[in-house]
Amino acid sequence: MTQITLRIDDPAMEKMLRRKAKESGKSLNKVVLEIIGESSGRGGRKKKPAGESLLEFAGTMTDEEAAELEEAIRIFEEIDEEMWK
C-alpha cells in the first residue's frame, strides 16, 4: 500500500473534510480517497450490494416469453404416480 501525504493550506477545506468524515462515521483517509475516486471518474471503492449485479437480468422476460417458459417446464411439475408405488 502506497502512502501519500497531503498538505492542506486551506483551513476551510480541512474543516469540511473532517466534518464529512465525522458525519459519515468514516476515517479522514477514506473520505479523501472517495473524493479522489469520484473526481477521477473511478467512483471510489464502493462495494455493490449483494445481488446488484443480477438486477439487469431481473424482470427482463416478456409476458409471452414467460408463458412459453411455463409451458415448456409444465411437464416437470407432473407427478408420475406409477413411479412412486
C-alpha atoms as a PDB file:
ATOM      1  CA  MET A   1       0.000   0.000   0.000  1.00  0.00           C
ATOM      2  CA  THR A   2       1.377   3.366  -1.056  1.00  0.00           C
ATOM      3  CA  GLN A   3       1.296   6.331   1.261  1.00  0.00           C
ATOM      4  CA  ILE A   4       0.742   9.893   0.071  1.00  0.00           C
ATOM      5  CA  THR A   5       0.972  12.920   2.307  1.00  0.00           C
ATOM      6  CA  LEU A   6      -1.407  15.806   1.652  1.00  0.00           C
ATOM      7  CA  ARG A   7      -0.647  19.294   2.853  1.00  0.00           C
ATOM      8  CA  ILE A   8      -3.821  21.333   3.085  1.00  0.00           C
ATOM      9  CA  ASP A   9      -3.240  25.079   3.327  1.00  0.00           C
ATOM     10  CA  ASP A  10      -6.941  25.889   3.381  1.00  0.00           C
ATOM     11  CA  PRO A  11      -8.390  25.592   6.907  1.00  0.00           C
ATOM     12  CA  ALA A  12     -11.932  25.615   5.496  1.00  0.00           C
ATOM     13  CA  MET A  13     -11.133  22.604   3.305  1.00  0.00           C
ATOM     14  CA  GLU A  14      -9.640  20.717   6.243  1.00  0.00           C
ATOM     15  CA  LYS A  15     -12.692  21.543   8.346  1.00  0.00           C
ATOM     16  CA  MET A  16     -15.015  20.343   5.576  1.00  0.00           C
ATOM     17  CA  LEU A  17     -13.091  17.052   5.189  1.00  0.00           C
ATOM     18  CA  ARG A  18     -13.083  16.409   8.925  1.00  0.00           C
ATOM     19  CA  ARG A  19     -16.811  17.251   9.152  1.00  0.00           C
ATOM     20  CA  LYS A  20     -17.614  14.833   6.288  1.00  0.00           C
ATOM     21  CA  ALA A  21     -15.589  12.117   7.983  1.00  0.00           C
ATOM     22  CA  LYS A  22     -17.305  12.654  11.313  1.00  0.00           C
ATOM     23  CA  GLU A  23     -20.816  12.819   9.827  1.00  0.00           C
ATOM     24  CA  SER A  24     -20.328   9.673   7.764  1.00  0.00           C
ATOM     25  CA  GLY A  25     -18.523   7.759  10.509  1.00  0.00           C
ATOM     26  CA  LYS A  26     -15.597   7.172   8.152  1.00  0.00           C
ATOM     27  CA  SER A  27     -11.930   7.852   8.558  1.00  0.00           C
ATOM     28  CA  LEU A  28     -10.473  11.050   7.131  1.00  0.00           C
ATOM     29  CA  ASN A  29      -8.387   8.886   4.795  1.00  0.00           C
ATOM     30  CA  LYS A  30     -11.450   7.057   3.461  1.00  0.00           C
ATOM     31  CA  VAL A  31     -13.307  10.322   2.816  1.00  0.00           C
ATOM     32  CA  VAL A  32     -10.354  11.759   0.891  1.00  0.00           C
ATOM     33  CA  LEU A  33      -9.985   8.540  -1.157  1.00  0.00           C
ATOM     34  CA  GLU A  34     -13.696   8.596  -2.021  1.00  0.00           C
ATOM     35  CA  ILE A  35     -13.491  12.226  -3.170  1.00  0.00           C
ATOM     36  CA  ILE A  36     -10.417  11.485  -5.282  1.00  0.00           C
ATOM     37  CA  GLY A  37     -12.097   8.410  -6.752  1.00  0.00           C
ATOM     38  CA  GLU A  38     -15.281  10.290  -7.631  1.00  0.00           C
ATOM     39  CA  SER A  39     -13.432  13.217  -9.188  1.00  0.00           C
ATOM     40  CA  SER A  40     -11.221  10.902 -11.251  1.00  0.00           C
ATOM     41  CA  GLY A  41     -14.219   9.038 -12.644  1.00  0.00           C
ATOM     42  CA  ARG A  42     -13.391   5.835 -10.817  1.00  0.00           C
ATOM     43  CA  GLY A  43     -16.167   6.299  -8.278  1.00  0.00           C
ATOM     44  CA  GLY A  44     -14.061   5.283  -5.315  1.00  0.00           C
ATOM     45  CA  ARG A  45     -14.119   1.746  -3.979  1.00  0.00           C
ATOM     46  CA  LYS A  46     -17.815   1.360  -3.375  1.00  0.00           C
ATOM     47  CA  LYS A  47     -18.847  -2.233  -2.896  1.00  0.00           C
ATOM     48  CA  LYS A  48     -22.048  -3.206  -4.656  1.00  0.00           C
ATOM     49  CA  PRO A  49     -24.808  -4.657  -2.522  1.00  0.00           C
ATOM     50  CA  ALA A  50     -25.286  -8.411  -2.831  1.00  0.00           C
ATOM     51  CA  GLY A  51     -27.300  -9.325  -5.884  1.00  0.00           C
ATOM     52  CA  GLU A  52     -26.967  -5.933  -7.576  1.00  0.00           C
ATOM     53  CA  SER A  53     -25.040  -7.451 -10.459  1.00  0.00           C
ATOM     54  CA  LEU A  54     -28.144  -9.521 -11.290  1.00  0.00           C
ATOM     55  CA  LEU A  55     -30.511  -6.548 -11.451  1.00  0.00           C
ATOM     56  CA  GLU A  56     -30.061  -6.112 -15.196  1.00  0.00           C
ATOM     57  CA  PHE A  57     -31.439  -9.629 -15.710  1.00  0.00           C
ATOM     58  CA  ALA A  58     -34.358  -9.430 -13.300  1.00  0.00           C
ATOM     59  CA  GLY A  59     -37.729  -8.921 -14.904  1.00  0.00           C
ATOM     60  CA  THR A  60     -36.439  -8.914 -18.461  1.00  0.00           C
ATOM     61  CA  MET A  61     -38.808 -11.615 -19.662  1.00  0.00           C
ATOM     62  CA  THR A  62     -41.875 -10.514 -21.603  1.00  0.00           C
ATOM     63  CA  ASP A  63     -45.282 -11.984 -20.726  1.00  0.00           C
ATOM     64  CA  GLU A  64     -45.139 -14.023 -23.919  1.00  0.00           C
ATOM     65  CA  GLU A  65     -41.697 -15.415 -23.050  1.00  0.00           C
ATOM     66  CA  ALA A  66     -42.828 -16.212 -19.502  1.00  0.00           C
ATOM     67  CA  ALA A  67     -45.858 -18.115 -20.820  1.00  0.00           C
ATOM     68  CA  GLU A  68     -43.623 -20.019 -23.240  1.00  0.00           C
ATOM     69  CA  LEU A  69     -41.240 -20.961 -20.433  1.00  0.00           C
ATOM     70  CA  GLU A  70     -44.065 -22.072 -18.155  1.00  0.00           C
ATOM     71  CA  GLU A  71     -45.447 -24.264 -20.924  1.00  0.00           C
ATOM     72  CA  ALA A  72     -42.006 -25.760 -21.590  1.00  0.00           C
ATOM     73  CA  ILE A  73     -41.451 -26.726 -17.933  1.00  0.00           C
ATOM     74  CA  ARG A  74     -45.024 -27.813 -17.170  1.00  0.00           C
ATOM     75  CA  ILE A  75     -44.095 -31.473 -17.772  1.00  0.00           C
ATOM     76  CA  PHE A  76     -41.657 -31.320 -14.843  1.00  0.00           C
ATOM     77  CA  GLU A  77     -44.490 -30.349 -12.491  1.00  0.00           C
ATOM     78  CA  GLU A  78     -46.459 -33.507 -13.210  1.00  0.00           C
ATOM     79  CA  ILE A  79     -46.054 -36.383 -10.768  1.00  0.00           C
ATOM     80  CA  ASP A  80     -45.842 -39.864 -12.224  1.00  0.00           C
ATOM     81  CA  GLU A  81     -47.887 -41.844  -9.670  1.00  0.00           C
ATOM     82  CA  GLU A  82     -46.633 -45.186 -11.046  1.00  0.00           C
ATOM     83  CA  MET A  83     -43.036 -44.191 -10.334  1.00  0.00           C
ATOM     84  CA  TRP A  84     -43.795 -43.665  -6.629  1.00  0.00           C
ATOM     85  CA  LYS A  85     -45.523 -47.007  -5.933  1.00  0.00           C
END
